[in-house]
Amino acid sequence: MSNYVTAIGLDVHARSIKACALNPMTGEVERASFGYDPASVAEWALSFESPKAVYESGATGFHLCRVLRALGPDCAVGAVSKMQRPAAGALAGYPLPDDSLAGRRFHPDDPRGREKTPL
């Protein structure tokens, strides 16, 4: 059994961060948008019970992950090359990356949701 309750998917860009928090026990979902301010993201994440955040690796690197861990919430960075993508015909209506990460990365019954790459 995992030691988190709330899964948080982050869509991280150079100037902005979009977040989606999912409590898989209750199905509750909450979204938020931030400028690139890790302290605000950490404060928001810590408002949930036992949060764990994840975002795709990319141009923004591991800075956010390191800062979030230092401020309290656990965080992981997923390797883009290891993530499953929808089939070409399934792109219409596909959820935002933060929704996708929160659901797939942490759902306990979905084998695709397990961490693929350790930091």
PDB file of N, CA and C in Angstrom:
ATOM      1  N   MET A   1       0.845  -1.181   0.000  1.00  0.00           N
ATOM      2  CA  MET A   1       0.000   0.000   0.000  1.00  0.00           C
ATOM      3  C   MET A   1       0.889   1.242   0.000  1.00  0.00           C
ATOM      4  N   SER A   2       0.504   2.225  -0.744  1.00  0.00           N
ATOM      5  CA  SER A   2       1.271   3.462  -0.843  1.00  0.00           C
ATOM      6  C   SER A   2       1.098   4.310   0.405  1.00  0.00           C
ATOM      7  N   ASN A   3       2.051   5.207   0.646  1.00  0.00           N
ATOM      8  CA  ASN A   3       1.980   6.071   1.810  1.00  0.00           C
ATOM      9  C   ASN A   3       1.461   7.463   1.475  1.00  0.00           C
ATOM     10  N   TYR A   4       0.796   7.617   0.343  1.00  0.00           N
ATOM     11  CA  TYR A   4       0.214   8.904  -0.018  1.00  0.00           C
ATOM     12  C   TYR A   4      -1.293   8.734  -0.102  1.00  0.00           C
ATOM     13  N   VAL A   5      -2.001   9.844  -0.034  1.00  0.00           N
ATOM     14  CA  VAL A   5      -3.445   9.832  -0.221  1.00  0.00           C
ATOM     15  C   VAL A   5      -3.805  10.616  -1.469  1.00  0.00           C
ATOM     16  N   THR A   6      -3.209  11.794  -1.642  1.00  0.00           N
ATOM     17  CA  THR A   6      -3.562  12.673  -2.754  1.00  0.00           C
ATOM     18  C   THR A   6      -2.468  12.670  -3.814  1.00  0.00           C
ATOM     19  N   ALA A   7      -2.840  12.338  -5.035  1.00  0.00           N
ATOM     20  CA  ALA A   7      -1.926  12.368  -6.181  1.00  0.00           C
ATOM     21  C   ALA A   7      -2.054  13.724  -6.862  1.00  0.00           C
ATOM     22  N   ILE A   8      -0.907  14.350  -7.130  1.00  0.00           N
ATOM     23  CA  ILE A   8      -0.913  15.664  -7.762  1.00  0.00           C
ATOM     24  C   ILE A   8      -0.092  15.601  -9.044  1.00  0.00           C
ATOM     25  N   GLY A   9      -0.744  15.844 -10.169  1.00  0.00           N
ATOM     26  CA  GLY A   9      -0.061  15.919 -11.459  1.00  0.00           C
ATOM     27  C   GLY A   9       0.224  17.376 -11.772  1.00  0.00           C
ATOM     28  N   LEU A  10       1.451  17.657 -12.207  1.00  0.00           N
ATOM     29  CA  LEU A  10       1.848  19.027 -12.520  1.00  0.00           C
ATOM     30  C   LEU A  10       2.200  19.144 -13.994  1.00  0.00           C
ATOM     31  N   ASP A  11       1.739  20.198 -14.631  1.00  0.00           N
ATOM     32  CA  ASP A  11       2.103  20.536 -16.002  1.00  0.00           C
ATOM     33  C   ASP A  11       3.021  21.747 -15.876  1.00  0.00           C
ATOM     34  N   VAL A  12       4.334  21.509 -15.978  1.00  0.00           N
ATOM     35  CA  VAL A  12       5.341  22.518 -15.654  1.00  0.00           C
ATOM     36  C   VAL A  12       5.915  23.139 -16.919  1.00  0.00           C
ATOM     37  N   HIS A  13       5.905  24.454 -16.961  1.00  0.00           N
ATOM     38  CA  HIS A  13       6.498  25.229 -18.051  1.00  0.00           C
ATOM     39  C   HIS A  13       7.440  26.263 -17.450  1.00  0.00           C
ATOM     40  N   ALA A  14       8.176  26.964 -18.273  1.00  0.00           N
ATOM     41  CA  ALA A  14       9.162  27.923 -17.790  1.00  0.00           C
ATOM     42  C   ALA A  14       8.539  29.039 -16.948  1.00  0.00           C
ATOM     43  N   ARG A  15       7.317  29.458 -17.274  1.00  0.00           N
ATOM     44  CA  ARG A  15       6.698  30.585 -16.567  1.00  0.00           C
ATOM     45  C   ARG A  15       5.414  30.234 -15.827  1.00  0.00           C
ATOM     46  N   SER A  16       4.966  28.994 -15.935  1.00  0.00           N
ATOM     47  CA  SER A  16       3.704  28.639 -15.294  1.00  0.00           C
ATOM     48  C   SER A  16       3.678  27.165 -14.889  1.00  0.00           C
ATOM     49  N   ILE A  17       2.806  26.882 -13.938  1.00  0.00           N
ATOM     50  CA  ILE A  17       2.577  25.512 -13.474  1.00  0.00           C
ATOM     51  C   ILE A  17       1.076  25.337 -13.309  1.00  0.00           C
ATOM     52  N   LYS A  18       0.528  24.298 -13.936  1.00  0.00           N
ATOM     53  CA  LYS A  18      -0.868  23.932 -13.721  1.00  0.00           C
ATOM     54  C   LYS A  18      -0.857  22.648 -12.909  1.00  0.00           C
ATOM     55  N   ALA A  19      -1.769  22.548 -11.957  1.00  0.00           N
ATOM     56  CA  ALA A  19      -1.794  21.398 -11.064  1.00  0.00           C
ATOM     57  C   ALA A  19      -3.185  20.789 -11.002  1.00  0.00           C
ATOM     58  N   CYS A  20      -3.207  19.477 -10.812  1.00  0.00           N
ATOM     59  CA  CYS A  20      -4.458  18.750 -10.650  1.00  0.00           C
ATOM     60  C   CYS A  20      -4.249  17.755  -9.512  1.00  0.00           C
ATOM     61  N   ALA A  21      -5.052  17.866  -8.453  1.00  0.00           N
ATOM     62  CA  ALA A  21      -4.958  16.966  -7.311  1.00  0.00           C
ATOM     63  C   ALA A  21      -6.109  15.973  -7.365  1.00  0.00           C
ATOM     64  N   LEU A  22      -5.788  14.698  -7.148  1.00  0.00           N
ATOM     65  CA  LEU A  22      -6.773  13.627  -7.198  1.00  0.00           C
ATOM     66  C   LEU A  22      -6.675  12.803  -5.929  1.00  0.00           C
ATOM     67  N   ASN A  23      -7.786  12.664  -5.232  1.00  0.00           N
ATOM     68  CA  ASN A  23      -7.861  11.754  -4.095  1.00  0.00           C
ATOM     69  C   ASN A  23      -8.532  10.490  -4.615  1.00  0.00           C
ATOM     70  N   PRO A  24      -7.760   9.400  -4.839  1.00  0.00           N
ATOM     71  CA  PRO A  24      -8.342   8.194  -5.435  1.00  0.00           C
ATOM     72  C   PRO A  24      -9.352   7.498  -4.537  1.00  0.00           C
ATOM     73  N   MET A  25      -9.321   7.760  -3.242  1.00  0.00           N
ATOM     74  CA  MET A  25     -10.282   7.133  -2.321  1.00  0.00           C
ATOM     75  C   MET A  25     -11.671   7.735  -2.477  1.00  0.00           C
ATOM     76  N   THR A  26     -11.742   9.064  -2.677  1.00  0.00           N
ATOM     77  CA  THR A  26     -13.029   9.746  -2.751  1.00  0.00           C
ATOM     78  C   THR A  26     -13.399  10.172  -4.167  1.00  0.00           C
ATOM     79  N   GLY A  27     -12.394  10.234  -5.063  1.00  0.00           N
ATOM     80  CA  GLY A  27     -12.639  10.696  -6.423  1.00  0.00           C
ATOM     81  C   GLY A  27     -12.644  12.205  -6.553  1.00  0.00           C
ATOM     82  N   GLU A  28     -12.355  12.929  -5.481  1.00  0.00           N
ATOM     83  CA  GLU A  28     -12.338  14.388  -5.527  1.00  0.00           C
ATOM     84  C   GLU A  28     -11.163  14.881  -6.373  1.00  0.00           C
ATOM     85  N   VAL A  29     -11.422  15.904  -7.192  1.00  0.00           N
ATOM     86  CA  VAL A  29     -10.399  16.503  -8.048  1.00  0.00           C
ATOM     87  C   VAL A  29     -10.412  18.011  -7.825  1.00  0.00           C
ATOM     88  N   GLU A  30      -9.223  18.578  -7.707  1.00  0.00           N
ATOM     89  CA  GLU A  30      -9.104  20.034  -7.571  1.00  0.00           C
ATOM     90  C   GLU A  30      -7.969  20.511  -8.461  1.00  0.00           C
ATOM     91  N   ARG A  31      -8.192  21.642  -9.159  1.00  0.00           N
ATOM     92  CA  ARG A  31      -7.184  22.189 -10.065  1.00  0.00           C
ATOM     93  C   ARG A  31      -6.743  23.572  -9.606  1.00  0.00           C
ATOM     94  N   ALA A  32      -5.510  23.930  -9.979  1.00  0.00           N
ATOM     95  CA  ALA A  32      -4.988  25.260  -9.655  1.00  0.00           C
ATOM     96  C   ALA A  32      -3.945  25.642 -10.692  1.00  0.00           C
ATOM     97  N   SER A  33      -3.733  26.936 -10.864  1.00  0.00           N
ATOM     98  CA  SER A  33      -2.700  27.461 -11.763  1.00  0.00           C
ATOM     99  C   SER A  33      -1.805  28.404 -10.966  1.00  0.00           C
ATOM    100  N   PHE A  34      -0.517  28.366 -11.287  1.00  0.00           N
ATOM    101  CA  PHE A  34       0.468  29.182 -10.592  1.00  0.00           C
ATOM    102  C   PHE A  34       1.434  29.772 -11.606  1.00  0.00           C
ATOM    103  N   GLY A  35       2.086  30.863 -11.246  1.00  0.00           N
ATOM    104  CA  GLY A  35       3.274  31.277 -11.964  1.00  0.00           C
ATOM    105  C   GLY A  35       4.356  30.284 -11.561  1.00  0.00           C
ATOM    106  N   TYR A  36       5.552  30.413 -12.107  1.00  0.00           N
ATOM    107  CA  TYR A  36       6.599  29.474 -11.695  1.00  0.00           C
ATOM    108  C   TYR A  36       7.068  29.876 -10.299  1.00  0.00           C
ATOM    109  N   ASP A  37       6.312  29.422  -9.304  1.00  0.00           N
ATOM    110  CA  ASP A  37       6.573  29.736  -7.902  1.00  0.00           C
ATOM    111  C   ASP A  37       6.446  28.453  -7.086  1.00  0.00           C
ATOM    112  N   PRO A  38       7.551  27.720  -6.884  1.00  0.00           N
ATOM    113  CA  PRO A  38       7.496  26.454  -6.158  1.00  0.00           C
ATOM    114  C   PRO A  38       6.911  26.583  -4.748  1.00  0.00           C
ATOM    115  N   ALA A  39       7.137  27.702  -4.064  1.00  0.00           N
ATOM    116  CA  ALA A  39       6.601  27.875  -2.709  1.00  0.00           C
ATOM    117  C   ALA A  39       5.073  27.870  -2.716  1.00  0.00           C
ATOM    118  N   SER A  40       4.460  28.511  -3.706  1.00  0.00           N
ATOM    119  CA  SER A  40       2.994  28.512  -3.810  1.00  0.00           C
ATOM    120  C   SER A  40       2.468  27.113  -4.107  1.00  0.00           C
ATOM    121  N   VAL A  41       3.165  26.399  -4.973  1.00  0.00           N
ATOM    122  CA  VAL A  41       2.756  25.028  -5.307  1.00  0.00           C
ATOM    123  C   VAL A  41       2.859  24.154  -4.057  1.00  0.00           C
ATOM    124  N   ALA A  42       3.948  24.278  -3.310  1.00  0.00           N
ATOM    125  CA  ALA A  42       4.136  23.485  -2.092  1.00  0.00           C
ATOM    126  C   ALA A  42       3.048  23.787  -1.065  1.00  0.00           C
ATOM    127  N   GLU A  43       2.739  25.062  -0.884  1.00  0.00           N
ATOM    128  CA  GLU A  43       1.695  25.451   0.071  1.00  0.00           C
ATOM    129  C   GLU A  43       0.351  24.847  -0.324  1.00  0.00           C
ATOM    130  N   TRP A  44       0.023  24.907  -1.619  1.00  0.00           N
ATOM    131  CA  TRP A  44      -1.233  24.333  -2.117  1.00  0.00           C
ATOM    132  C   TRP A  44      -1.226  22.824  -1.925  1.00  0.00           C
ATOM    133  N   ALA A  45      -0.131  22.163  -2.280  1.00  0.00           N
ATOM    134  CA  ALA A  45      -0.049  20.704  -2.171  1.00  0.00           C
ATOM    135  C   ALA A  45      -0.182  20.242  -0.724  1.00  0.00           C
ATOM    136  N   LEU A  46       0.420  20.983   0.195  1.00  0.00           N
ATOM    137  CA  LEU A  46       0.364  20.602   1.609  1.00  0.00           C
ATOM    138  C   LEU A  46      -1.013  20.812   2.229  1.00  0.00           C
ATOM    139  N   SER A  47      -1.925  21.448   1.499  1.00  0.00           N
ATOM    140  CA  SER A  47      -3.290  21.599   2.000  1.00  0.00           C
ATOM    141  C   SER A  47      -4.080  20.298   1.853  1.00  0.00           C
ATOM    142  N   PHE A  48      -3.505  19.302   1.165  1.00  0.00           N
ATOM    143  CA  PHE A  48      -4.147  18.005   0.974  1.00  0.00           C
ATOM    144  C   PHE A  48      -3.524  16.978   1.908  1.00  0.00           C
ATOM    145  N   GLU A  49      -4.250  15.883   2.116  1.00  0.00           N
ATOM    146  CA  GLU A  49      -3.759  14.818   2.979  1.00  0.00           C
ATOM    147  C   GLU A  49      -2.699  13.991   2.257  1.00  0.00           C
ATOM    148  N   SER A  50      -1.524  13.868   2.844  1.00  0.00           N
ATOM    149  CA  SER A  50      -0.408  13.053   2.339  1.00  0.00           C
ATOM    150  C   SER A  50      -0.212  13.182   0.828  1.00  0.00           C
ATOM    151  N   PRO A  51       0.146  14.381   0.323  1.00  0.00           N
ATOM    152  CA  PRO A  51       0.269  14.572  -1.123  1.00  0.00           C
ATOM    153  C   PRO A  51       1.562  13.995  -1.700  1.00  0.00           C
ATOM    154  N   LYS A  52       1.481  13.590  -2.950  1.00  0.00           N
ATOM    155  CA  LYS A  52       2.673  13.224  -3.725  1.00  0.00           C
ATOM    156  C   LYS A  52       2.463  13.800  -5.118  1.00  0.00           C
ATOM    157  N   ALA A  53       3.458  14.559  -5.596  1.00  0.00           N
ATOM    158  CA  ALA A  53       3.352  15.227  -6.894  1.00  0.00           C
ATOM    159  C   ALA A  53       4.250  14.541  -7.914  1.00  0.00           C
ATOM    160  N   VAL A  54       3.886  14.712  -9.187  1.00  0.00           N
ATOM    161  CA  VAL A  54       4.699  14.193 -10.284  1.00  0.00           C
ATOM    162  C   VAL A  54       4.554  15.124 -11.472  1.00  0.00           C
ATOM    163  N   TYR A  55       5.627  15.241 -12.252  1.00  0.00           N
ATOM    164  CA  TYR A  55       5.563  15.983 -13.505  1.00  0.00           C
ATOM    165  C   TYR A  55       6.511  15.351 -14.503  1.00  0.00           C
ATOM    166  N   GLU A  56       6.297  15.657 -15.788  1.00  0.00           N
ATOM    167  CA  GLU A  56       7.139  15.125 -16.860  1.00  0.00           C
ATOM    168  C   GLU A  56       8.482  15.834 -16.888  1.00  0.00           C
ATOM    169  N   SER A  57       9.519  15.050 -17.118  1.00  0.00           N
ATOM    170  CA  SER A  57      10.831  15.668 -17.296  1.00  0.00           C
ATOM    171  C   SER A  57      10.814  16.452 -18.600  1.00  0.00           C
ATOM    172  N   GLY A  58      11.659  17.411 -18.696  1.00  0.00           N
ATOM    173  CA  GLY A  58      11.711  18.232 -19.901  1.00  0.00           C
ATOM    174  C   GLY A  58      12.669  19.379 -19.706  1.00  0.00           C
ATOM    175  N   ALA A  59      12.414  20.450 -20.391  1.00  0.00           N
ATOM    176  CA  ALA A  59      13.314  21.604 -20.367  1.00  0.00           C
ATOM    177  C   ALA A  59      13.420  22.232 -18.983  1.00  0.00           C
ATOM    178  N   THR A  60      12.397  22.076 -18.140  1.00  0.00           N
ATOM    179  CA  THR A  60      12.447  22.678 -16.812  1.00  0.00           C
ATOM    180  C   THR A  60      13.319  21.876 -15.844  1.00  0.00           C
ATOM    181  N   GLY A  61      13.663  20.662 -16.184  1.00  0.00           N
ATOM    182  CA  GLY A  61      14.597  19.871 -15.384  1.00  0.00           C
ATOM    183  C   GLY A  61      14.047  19.450 -14.032  1.00  0.00           C
ATOM    184  N   PHE A  62      14.959  19.271 -13.072  1.00  0.00           N
ATOM    185  CA  PHE A  62      14.617  18.728 -11.769  1.00  0.00           C
ATOM    186  C   PHE A  62      14.530  19.783 -10.675  1.00  0.00           C
ATOM    187  N   HIS A  63      14.675  21.057 -11.031  1.00  0.00           N
ATOM    188  CA  HIS A  63      14.667  22.127 -10.030  1.00  0.00           C
ATOM    189  C   HIS A  63      13.411  22.099  -9.179  1.00  0.00           C
ATOM    190  N   LEU A  64      12.246  22.039  -9.810  1.00  0.00           N
ATOM    191  CA  LEU A  64      10.989  22.070  -9.072  1.00  0.00           C
ATOM    192  C   LEU A  64      10.901  20.887  -8.117  1.00  0.00           C
ATOM    193  N   CYS A  65      11.301  19.724  -8.556  1.00  0.00           N
ATOM    194  CA  CYS A  65      11.255  18.536  -7.711  1.00  0.00           C
ATOM    195  C   CYS A  65      12.096  18.721  -6.454  1.00  0.00           C
ATOM    196  N   ARG A  66      13.301  19.209  -6.624  1.00  0.00           N
ATOM    197  CA  ARG A  66      14.196  19.422  -5.477  1.00  0.00           C
ATOM    198  C   ARG A  66      13.616  20.448  -4.498  1.00  0.00           C
ATOM    199  N   VAL A  67      13.074  21.528  -5.028  1.00  0.00           N
ATOM    200  CA  VAL A  67      12.522  22.581  -4.166  1.00  0.00           C
ATOM    201  C   VAL A  67      11.277  22.079  -3.444  1.00  0.00           C
ATOM    202  N   LEU A  68      10.387  21.381  -4.152  1.00  0.00           N
ATOM    203  CA  LEU A  68       9.183  20.867  -3.495  1.00  0.00           C
ATOM    204  C   LEU A  68       9.548  19.913  -2.366  1.00  0.00           C
ATOM    205  N   ARG A  69      10.493  19.019  -2.614  1.00  0.00           N
ATOM    206  CA  ARG A  69      10.905  18.089  -1.557  1.00  0.00           C
ATOM    207  C   ARG A  69      11.457  18.841  -0.350  1.00  0.00           C
ATOM    208  N   ALA A  70      12.215  19.887  -0.591  1.00  0.00           N
ATOM    209  CA  ALA A  70      12.785  20.676   0.510  1.00  0.00           C
ATOM    210  C   ALA A  70      11.690  21.400   1.302  1.00  0.00           C
ATOM    211  N   LEU A  71      10.598  21.782   0.624  1.00  0.00           N
ATOM    212  CA  LEU A  71       9.512  22.508   1.271  1.00  0.00           C
ATOM    213  C   LEU A  71       8.463  21.601   1.906  1.00  0.00           C
ATOM    214  N   GLY A  72       8.536  20.293   1.642  1.00  0.00           N
ATOM    215  CA  GLY A  72       7.601  19.385   2.305  1.00  0.00           C
ATOM    216  C   GLY A  72       6.960  18.319   1.443  1.00  0.00           C
ATOM    217  N   PRO A  73       6.275  18.668   0.351  1.00  0.00           N
ATOM    218  CA  PRO A  73       5.593  17.624  -0.417  1.00  0.00           C
ATOM    219  C   PRO A  73       6.573  16.723  -1.155  1.00  0.00           C
ATOM    220  N   ASP A  74       6.268  15.421  -1.187  1.00  0.00           N
ATOM    221  CA  ASP A  74       7.075  14.496  -1.966  1.00  0.00           C
ATOM    222  C   ASP A  74       6.809  14.768  -3.441  1.00  0.00           C
ATOM    223  N   CYS A  75       7.814  14.563  -4.274  1.00  0.00           N
ATOM    224  CA  CYS A  75       7.685  14.837  -5.702  1.00  0.00           C
ATOM    225  C   CYS A  75       8.538  13.855  -6.484  1.00  0.00           C
ATOM    226  N   ALA A  76       8.084  13.483  -7.659  1.00  0.00           N
ATOM    227  CA  ALA A  76       8.842  12.624  -8.562  1.00  0.00           C
ATOM    228  C   ALA A  76       8.788  13.229  -9.956  1.00  0.00           C
ATOM    229  N   VAL A  77       9.778  12.894 -10.763  1.00  0.00           N
ATOM    230  CA  VAL A  77       9.827  13.346 -12.147  1.00  0.00           C
ATOM    231  C   VAL A  77       9.748  12.107 -13.028  1.00  0.00           C
ATOM    232  N   GLY A  78       8.771  12.096 -13.930  1.00  0.00           N
ATOM    233  CA  GLY A  78       8.590  10.959 -14.826  1.00  0.00           C
ATOM    234  C   GLY A  78       9.342  11.159 -16.127  1.00  0.00           C
ATOM    235  N   ALA A  79       9.970  10.091 -16.595  1.00  0.00           N
ATOM    236  CA  ALA A  79      10.683  10.143 -17.870  1.00  0.00           C
ATOM    237  C   ALA A  79       9.675  10.109 -19.012  1.00  0.00           C
ATOM    238  N   VAL A  80       9.677  11.139 -19.838  1.00  0.00           N
ATOM    239  CA  VAL A  80       8.725  11.242 -20.945  1.00  0.00           C
ATOM    240  C   VAL A  80       8.816  10.027 -21.855  1.00  0.00           C
ATOM    241  N   SER A  81      10.016   9.535 -22.083  1.00  0.00           N
ATOM    242  CA  SER A  81      10.201   8.401 -22.990  1.00  0.00           C
ATOM    243  C   SER A  81       9.579   7.116 -22.452  1.00  0.00           C
ATOM    244  N   LYS A  82       9.294   7.040 -21.169  1.00  0.00           N
ATOM    245  CA  LYS A  82       8.722   5.832 -20.567  1.00  0.00           C
ATOM    246  C   LYS A  82       7.206   5.910 -20.384  1.00  0.00           C
ATOM    247  N   MET A  83       6.602   7.082 -20.645  1.00  0.00           N
ATOM    248  CA  MET A  83       5.163   7.236 -20.439  1.00  0.00           C
ATOM    249  C   MET A  83       4.386   6.789 -21.655  1.00  0.00           C
ATOM    250  N   GLN A  84       3.250   6.139 -21.399  1.00  0.00           N
ATOM    251  CA  GLN A  84       2.398   5.712 -22.488  1.00  0.00           C
ATOM    252  C   GLN A  84       1.613   6.905 -23.007  1.00  0.00           C
ATOM    253  N   ARG A  85       1.488   6.979 -24.309  1.00  0.00           N
ATOM    254  CA  ARG A  85       0.724   8.049 -24.955  1.00  0.00           C
ATOM    255  C   ARG A  85      -0.505   7.433 -25.613  1.00  0.00           C
ATOM    256  N   PRO A  86      -1.551   8.221 -25.800  1.00  0.00           N
ATOM    257  CA  PRO A  86      -2.738   7.690 -26.458  1.00  0.00           C
ATOM    258  C   PRO A  86      -2.464   7.408 -27.928  1.00  0.00           C
ATOM    259  N   ALA A  87      -3.261   6.509 -28.488  1.00  0.00           N
ATOM    260  CA  ALA A  87      -3.169   6.239 -29.915  1.00  0.00           C
ATOM    261  C   ALA A  87      -3.505   7.506 -30.685  1.00  0.00           C
ATOM    262  N   ALA A  88      -3.024   7.608 -31.913  1.00  0.00           N
ATOM    263  CA  ALA A  88      -3.211   8.831 -32.708  1.00  0.00           C
ATOM    264  C   ALA A  88      -4.684   9.212 -32.827  1.00  0.00           C
ATOM    265  N   GLY A  89      -5.560   8.259 -32.959  1.00  0.00           N
ATOM    266  CA  GLY A  89      -6.986   8.543 -33.100  1.00  0.00           C
ATOM    267  C   GLY A  89      -7.659   8.922 -31.798  1.00  0.00           C
ATOM    268  N   ALA A  90      -6.985   8.710 -30.673  1.00  0.00           N
ATOM    269  CA  ALA A  90      -7.593   8.958 -29.373  1.00  0.00           C
ATOM    270  C   ALA A  90      -7.225  10.317 -28.793  1.00  0.00           C
ATOM    271  N   LEU A  91      -6.588  11.181 -29.572  1.00  0.00           N
ATOM    272  CA  LEU A  91      -6.125  12.455 -29.044  1.00  0.00           C
ATOM    273  C   LEU A  91      -7.248  13.442 -28.764  1.00  0.00           C
ATOM    274  N   ALA A  92      -8.320  13.395 -29.518  1.00  0.00           N
ATOM    275  CA  ALA A  92      -9.419  14.343 -29.316  1.00  0.00           C
ATOM    276  C   ALA A  92     -10.056  14.093 -27.954  1.00  0.00           C
ATOM    277  N   GLY A  93     -10.146  15.126 -27.163  1.00  0.00           N
ATOM    278  CA  GLY A  93     -10.767  15.008 -25.855  1.00  0.00           C
ATOM    279  C   GLY A  93      -9.894  14.369 -24.801  1.00  0.00           C
ATOM    280  N   TYR A  94      -8.640  14.132 -25.108  1.00  0.00           N
ATOM    281  CA  TYR A  94      -7.743  13.517 -24.129  1.00  0.00           C
ATOM    282  C   TYR A  94      -7.480  14.514 -23.007  1.00  0.00           C
ATOM    283  N   PRO A  95      -7.404  14.057 -21.735  1.00  0.00           N
ATOM    284  CA  PRO A  95      -7.216  15.003 -20.632  1.00  0.00           C
ATOM    285  C   PRO A  95      -5.897  15.738 -20.694  1.00  0.00           C
ATOM    286  N   LEU A  96      -5.835  16.860 -20.005  1.00  0.00           N
ATOM    287  CA  LEU A  96      -4.587  17.615 -19.911  1.00  0.00           C
ATOM    288  C   LEU A  96      -3.511  16.757 -19.272  1.00  0.00           C
ATOM    289  N   PRO A  97      -2.234  17.045 -19.536  1.00  0.00           N
ATOM    290  CA  PRO A  97      -1.166  16.221 -18.971  1.00  0.00           C
ATOM    291  C   PRO A  97      -1.208  16.095 -17.460  1.00  0.00           C
ATOM    292  N   ASP A  98      -1.576  17.157 -16.726  1.00  0.00           N
ATOM    293  CA  ASP A  98      -1.612  17.049 -15.273  1.00  0.00           C
ATOM    294  C   ASP A  98      -2.690  16.070 -14.824  1.00  0.00           C
ATOM    295  N   ASP A  99      -3.860  16.050 -15.515  1.00  0.00           N
ATOM    296  CA  ASP A  99      -4.904  15.072 -15.205  1.00  0.00           C
ATOM    297  C   ASP A  99      -4.392  13.666 -15.463  1.00  0.00           C
ATOM    298  N   SER A 100      -3.765  13.486 -16.599  1.00  0.00           N
ATOM    299  CA  SER A 100      -3.266  12.187 -16.999  1.00  0.00           C
ATOM    300  C   SER A 100      -2.236  11.680 -16.004  1.00  0.00           C
ATOM    301  N   LEU A 101      -1.305  12.528 -15.618  1.00  0.00           N
ATOM    302  CA  LEU A 101      -0.263  12.110 -14.684  1.00  0.00           C
ATOM    303  C   LEU A 101      -0.839  11.774 -13.320  1.00  0.00           C
ATOM    304  N   ALA A 102      -1.743  12.582 -12.823  1.00  0.00           N
ATOM    305  CA  ALA A 102      -2.313  12.325 -11.506  1.00  0.00           C
ATOM    306  C   ALA A 102      -3.034  10.985 -11.489  1.00  0.00           C
ATOM    307  N   GLY A 103      -3.798  10.705 -12.530  1.00  0.00           N
ATOM    308  CA  GLY A 103      -4.556   9.460 -12.572  1.00  0.00           C
ATOM    309  C   GLY A 103      -3.716   8.238 -12.867  1.00  0.00           C
ATOM    310  N   ARG A 104      -2.898   8.287 -13.898  1.00  0.00           N
ATOM    311  CA  ARG A 104      -2.133   7.111 -14.304  1.00  0.00           C
ATOM    312  C   ARG A 104      -0.970   6.834 -13.375  1.00  0.00           C
ATOM    313  N   ARG A 105      -0.305   7.865 -12.933  1.00  0.00           N
ATOM    314  CA  ARG A 105       0.920   7.696 -12.164  1.00  0.00           C
ATOM    315  C   ARG A 105       0.646   7.075 -10.806  1.00  0.00           C
ATOM    316  N   PHE A 106      -0.543   7.331 -10.244  1.00  0.00           N
ATOM    317  CA  PHE A 106      -0.761   6.927  -8.876  1.00  0.00           C
ATOM    318  C   PHE A 106      -1.900   5.947  -8.650  1.00  0.00           C
ATOM    319  N   HIS A 107      -2.640   5.580  -9.666  1.00  0.00           N
ATOM    320  CA  HIS A 107      -3.775   4.706  -9.422  1.00  0.00           C
ATOM    321  C   HIS A 107      -3.271   3.325  -9.014  1.00  0.00           C
ATOM    322  N   PRO A 108      -3.606   2.834  -7.812  1.00  0.00           N
ATOM    323  CA  PRO A 108      -3.027   1.595  -7.295  1.00  0.00           C
ATOM    324  C   PRO A 108      -3.393   0.348  -8.090  1.00  0.00           C
ATOM    325  N   ASP A 109      -4.541   0.343  -8.784  1.00  0.00           N
ATOM    326  CA  ASP A 109      -4.957  -0.849  -9.511  1.00  0.00           C
ATOM    327  C   ASP A 109      -4.523  -0.845 -10.967  1.00  0.00           C
ATOM    328  N   ASP A 110      -3.894   0.208 -11.424  1.00  0.00           N
ATOM    329  CA  ASP A 110      -3.491   0.324 -12.823  1.00  0.00           C
ATOM    330  C   ASP A 110      -1.992   0.097 -12.948  1.00  0.00           C
ATOM    331  N   PRO A 111      -1.564  -1.003 -13.577  1.00  0.00           N
ATOM    332  CA  PRO A 111      -0.127  -1.274 -13.685  1.00  0.00           C
ATOM    333  C   PRO A 111       0.620  -0.186 -14.445  1.00  0.00           C
ATOM    334  N   ARG A 112      -0.079   0.573 -15.322  1.00  0.00           N
ATOM    335  CA  ARG A 112       0.586   1.660 -16.031  1.00  0.00           C
ATOM    336  C   ARG A 112       0.884   2.819 -15.098  1.00  0.00           C
ATOM    337  N   GLY A 113       0.256   2.856 -13.911  1.00  0.00           N
ATOM    338  CA  GLY A 113       0.421   3.953 -12.992  1.00  0.00           C
ATOM    339  C   GLY A 113       1.620   3.836 -12.073  1.00  0.00           C
ATOM    340  N   ARG A 114       2.328   2.735 -12.156  1.00  0.00           N
ATOM    341  CA  ARG A 114       3.496   2.561 -11.292  1.00  0.00           C
ATOM    342  C   ARG A 114       4.680   3.357 -11.801  1.00  0.00           C
ATOM    343  N   GLU A 115       5.533   3.774 -10.882  1.00  0.00           N
ATOM    344  CA  GLU A 115       6.724   4.523 -11.272  1.00  0.00           C
ATOM    345  C   GLU A 115       7.588   3.660 -12.172  1.00  0.00           C
ATOM    346  N   LYS A 116       8.044   4.220 -13.272  1.00  0.00           N
ATOM    347  CA  LYS A 116       8.863   3.484 -14.212  1.00  0.00           C
ATOM    348  C   LYS A 116      10.344   3.782 -14.028  1.00  0.00           C
ATOM    349  N   THR A 117      10.656   5.013 -13.667  1.00  0.00           N
ATOM    350  CA  THR A 117      12.058   5.439 -13.623  1.00  0.00           C
ATOM    351  C   THR A 117      12.356   6.106 -12.291  1.00  0.00           C
ATOM    352  N   PRO A 118      13.275   5.535 -11.499  1.00  0.00           N
ATOM    353  CA  PRO A 118      13.636   6.218 -10.254  1.00  0.00           C
ATOM    354  C   PRO A 118      14.477   7.440 -10.545  1.00  0.00           C
ATOM    355  N   LEU A 119      14.486   8.390  -9.607  1.00  0.00           N
ATOM    356  CA  LEU A 119      15.299   9.601  -9.787  1.00  0.00           C
ATOM    357  C   LEU A 119      16.756   9.291  -9.616  1.00  0.00           C
TER     358      LEU A 119
END
